[in-house]
Amino acid sequence: QVQLVESGGGLVQAGGSLRLSCVASRSIFSFYYMGWYRQAPGKQRELVGSVTTGGSTNYADFVKGRFTISRDIAKNTVYLQMNSLQPEDTAVYYCAAGTNRGPPSYWGQGTQVTVSS
């Protein structure tokens, strides 16, 4: 059973930064992609960004230029660096992994990010 464990969430003031981590229980090369999603209260879960096995990244328009996905292959870890955070970024952030181009097959438990104004 694959496990994805997120960490790094917390409370930050507007304009601040956080780095989320997602540790996978197996090599991240075993997934076609890994991604970060978020879900704010009363809203649907949405894609924040993703990285493929080959290293290609994709970001939602609302985070371009502010958030960056990186990875440490040796540590089976994917990161989400979040800069210039705004209150509208407040959400539970989830790590996910897909084994093909379709929807994620695996999800983490989520980590809360709260941005105060």
C-alpha atoms as a PDB file:
ATOM      1  CA  GLN A   1       0.000   0.000   0.000  1.00  0.00           C
ATOM      2  CA  VAL A   2       1.435   3.346  -1.039  1.00  0.00           C
ATOM      3  CA  GLN A   3       1.579   6.043   1.591  1.00  0.00           C
ATOM      4  CA  LEU A   4       2.023   9.745   1.007  1.00  0.00           C
ATOM      5  CA  VAL A   5       2.729  11.834   4.082  1.00  0.00           C
ATOM      6  CA  GLU A   6       2.546  15.607   3.925  1.00  0.00           C
ATOM      7  CA  SER A   7       4.051  18.045   6.385  1.00  0.00           C
ATOM      8  CA  GLY A   8       4.931  21.713   6.624  1.00  0.00           C
ATOM      9  CA  GLY A   9       1.540  23.344   6.844  1.00  0.00           C
ATOM     10  CA  GLY A  10       0.736  26.014   9.368  1.00  0.00           C
ATOM     11  CA  LEU A  11      -0.323  29.592   9.974  1.00  0.00           C
ATOM     12  CA  VAL A  12       1.436  32.386   8.118  1.00  0.00           C
ATOM     13  CA  GLN A  13       0.777  36.056   7.499  1.00  0.00           C
ATOM     14  CA  ALA A  14      -0.085  37.358   4.070  1.00  0.00           C
ATOM     15  CA  GLY A  15       3.040  37.785   2.004  1.00  0.00           C
ATOM     16  CA  GLY A  16       4.811  34.998   3.855  1.00  0.00           C
ATOM     17  CA  SER A  17       6.129  31.650   2.695  1.00  0.00           C
ATOM     18  CA  LEU A  18       5.766  27.991   3.543  1.00  0.00           C
ATOM     19  CA  ARG A  19       7.300  24.826   2.171  1.00  0.00           C
ATOM     20  CA  LEU A  20       5.241  21.666   2.131  1.00  0.00           C
ATOM     21  CA  SER A  21       6.831  18.248   1.926  1.00  0.00           C
ATOM     22  CA  CYS A  22       5.391  14.968   0.729  1.00  0.00           C
ATOM     23  CA  VAL A  23       7.252  11.765   1.478  1.00  0.00           C
ATOM     24  CA  ALA A  24       6.276   8.699  -0.524  1.00  0.00           C
ATOM     25  CA  SER A  25       6.639   5.141   0.747  1.00  0.00           C
ATOM     26  CA  ARG A  26       8.267   4.084  -2.501  1.00  0.00           C
ATOM     27  CA  SER A  27      10.373   5.647  -5.217  1.00  0.00           C
ATOM     28  CA  ILE A  28       8.709   8.664  -6.764  1.00  0.00           C
ATOM     29  CA  PHE A  29       9.946   7.331 -10.113  1.00  0.00           C
ATOM     30  CA  SER A  30       7.336   4.586  -9.769  1.00  0.00           C
ATOM     31  CA  PHE A  31       4.618   7.193 -10.380  1.00  0.00           C
ATOM     32  CA  TYR A  32       3.823   8.834 -13.695  1.00  0.00           C
ATOM     33  CA  TYR A  33       3.359  12.101 -11.827  1.00  0.00           C
ATOM     34  CA  MET A  34       3.047  13.599  -8.390  1.00  0.00           C
ATOM     35  CA  GLY A  35       0.919  16.590  -7.685  1.00  0.00           C
ATOM     36  CA  TRP A  36      -0.330  19.020  -5.125  1.00  0.00           C
ATOM     37  CA  TYR A  37      -4.024  19.801  -4.739  1.00  0.00           C
ATOM     38  CA  ARG A  38      -5.897  22.012  -2.341  1.00  0.00           C
ATOM     39  CA  GLN A  39      -9.397  22.280  -0.995  1.00  0.00           C
ATOM     40  CA  ALA A  40     -10.764  25.372   0.683  1.00  0.00           C
ATOM     41  CA  PRO A  41     -13.889  25.229   2.858  1.00  0.00           C
ATOM     42  CA  GLY A  42     -17.004  24.967   0.733  1.00  0.00           C
ATOM     43  CA  LYS A  43     -15.022  24.579  -2.474  1.00  0.00           C
ATOM     44  CA  GLN A  44     -14.018  21.706  -4.686  1.00  0.00           C
ATOM     45  CA  ARG A  45     -10.556  20.253  -4.578  1.00  0.00           C
ATOM     46  CA  GLU A  46      -8.369  21.846  -7.236  1.00  0.00           C
ATOM     47  CA  LEU A  47      -5.003  21.124  -8.781  1.00  0.00           C
ATOM     48  CA  VAL A  48      -2.191  23.394  -7.646  1.00  0.00           C
ATOM     49  CA  GLY A  49       0.581  21.847  -9.708  1.00  0.00           C
ATOM     50  CA  SER A  50       2.274  18.631 -10.683  1.00  0.00           C
ATOM     51  CA  VAL A  51       5.593  17.163 -11.727  1.00  0.00           C
ATOM     52  CA  THR A  52       6.067  14.185 -14.014  1.00  0.00           C
ATOM     53  CA  THR A  53       8.671  11.459 -13.761  1.00  0.00           C
ATOM     54  CA  GLY A  54      10.614  13.289 -16.426  1.00  0.00           C
ATOM     55  CA  GLY A  55      10.656  16.463 -14.358  1.00  0.00           C
ATOM     56  CA  SER A  56       8.120  18.495 -16.307  1.00  0.00           C
ATOM     57  CA  THR A  57       6.047  20.778 -14.120  1.00  0.00           C
ATOM     58  CA  ASN A  58       2.608  22.230 -14.575  1.00  0.00           C
ATOM     59  CA  TYR A  59       0.927  24.890 -12.436  1.00  0.00           C
ATOM     60  CA  ALA A  60      -2.512  26.335 -12.033  1.00  0.00           C
ATOM     61  CA  ASP A  61      -2.777  29.908 -13.247  1.00  0.00           C
ATOM     62  CA  PHE A  62      -3.539  31.169  -9.760  1.00  0.00           C
ATOM     63  CA  VAL A  63      -0.124  30.074  -8.420  1.00  0.00           C
ATOM     64  CA  LYS A  64       2.182  30.718 -11.359  1.00  0.00           C
ATOM     65  CA  GLY A  65       5.193  32.702 -10.295  1.00  0.00           C
ATOM     66  CA  ARG A  66       4.458  32.150  -6.601  1.00  0.00           C
ATOM     67  CA  PHE A  67       4.588  28.388  -6.044  1.00  0.00           C
ATOM     68  CA  THR A  68       7.289  25.975  -7.136  1.00  0.00           C
ATOM     69  CA  ILE A  69       7.353  22.185  -7.104  1.00  0.00           C
ATOM     70  CA  SER A  70      10.644  20.410  -6.633  1.00  0.00           C
ATOM     71  CA  ARG A  71      11.731  16.948  -5.626  1.00  0.00           C
ATOM     72  CA  ASP A  72      14.473  15.036  -3.871  1.00  0.00           C
ATOM     73  CA  ILE A  73      14.563  11.664  -5.562  1.00  0.00           C
ATOM     74  CA  ALA A  74      16.887  10.093  -3.019  1.00  0.00           C
ATOM     75  CA  LYS A  75      14.444  11.003  -0.243  1.00  0.00           C
ATOM     76  CA  ASN A  76      11.299  10.032  -2.193  1.00  0.00           C
ATOM     77  CA  THR A  77      10.095  13.537  -1.450  1.00  0.00           C
ATOM     78  CA  VAL A  78       8.268  16.202  -3.405  1.00  0.00           C
ATOM     79  CA  TYR A  79       8.105  19.783  -2.181  1.00  0.00           C
ATOM     80  CA  LEU A  80       5.764  22.686  -2.726  1.00  0.00           C
ATOM     81  CA  GLN A  81       7.445  26.016  -2.066  1.00  0.00           C
ATOM     82  CA  MET A  82       4.790  28.663  -1.578  1.00  0.00           C
ATOM     83  CA  ASN A  83       5.747  32.332  -1.650  1.00  0.00           C
ATOM     84  CA  SER A  84       3.707  35.523  -1.502  1.00  0.00           C
ATOM     85  CA  LEU A  85       0.885  33.681   0.218  1.00  0.00           C
ATOM     86  CA  GLN A  86      -2.501  35.341   0.309  1.00  0.00           C
ATOM     87  CA  PRO A  87      -5.591  34.670   2.438  1.00  0.00           C
ATOM     88  CA  GLU A  88      -7.257  33.037  -0.558  1.00  0.00           C
ATOM     89  CA  ASP A  89      -4.523  30.386  -0.473  1.00  0.00           C
ATOM     90  CA  THR A  90      -5.971  29.116   2.805  1.00  0.00           C
ATOM     91  CA  ALA A  91      -6.900  25.473   2.298  1.00  0.00           C
ATOM     92  CA  VAL A  92      -6.011  21.908   3.094  1.00  0.00           C
ATOM     93  CA  TYR A  93      -3.202  20.930   0.768  1.00  0.00           C
ATOM     94  CA  TYR A  94      -2.965  17.353  -0.445  1.00  0.00           C
ATOM     95  CA  CYS A  95      -0.168  15.431  -2.056  1.00  0.00           C
ATOM     96  CA  ALA A  96      -1.222  12.957  -4.715  1.00  0.00           C
ATOM     97  CA  ALA A  97       0.400  10.482  -7.072  1.00  0.00           C
ATOM     98  CA  GLY A  98      -0.768   9.041 -10.345  1.00  0.00           C
ATOM     99  CA  THR A  99       0.415   5.949 -12.150  1.00  0.00           C
ATOM    100  CA  ASN A 100      -0.803   7.169 -15.540  1.00  0.00           C
ATOM    101  CA  ARG A 101      -2.192  10.343 -17.110  1.00  0.00           C
ATOM    102  CA  GLY A 102      -5.492   9.896 -15.316  1.00  0.00           C
ATOM    103  CA  PRO A 103      -6.636  11.050 -11.900  1.00  0.00           C
ATOM    104  CA  PRO A 104      -4.394  10.371  -8.913  1.00  0.00           C
ATOM    105  CA  SER A 105      -4.319   6.845  -7.579  1.00  0.00           C
ATOM    106  CA  TYR A 106      -2.987   7.797  -4.180  1.00  0.00           C
ATOM    107  CA  TRP A 107      -3.609  10.656  -1.781  1.00  0.00           C
ATOM    108  CA  GLY A 108      -2.000  11.942   1.358  1.00  0.00           C
ATOM    109  CA  GLN A 109      -3.946  12.908   4.439  1.00  0.00           C
ATOM    110  CA  GLY A 110      -3.596  16.635   3.828  1.00  0.00           C
ATOM    111  CA  THR A 111      -1.971  19.490   5.679  1.00  0.00           C
ATOM    112  CA  GLN A 112      -3.691  22.730   6.670  1.00  0.00           C
ATOM    113  CA  VAL A 113      -2.356  26.029   5.395  1.00  0.00           C
ATOM    114  CA  THR A 114      -3.879  29.161   6.874  1.00  0.00           C
ATOM    115  CA  VAL A 115      -2.917  32.626   5.668  1.00  0.00           C
ATOM    116  CA  SER A 116      -3.968  35.553   7.826  1.00  0.00           C
ATOM    117  CA  SER A 117      -4.514  39.036   6.466  1.00  0.00           C
END
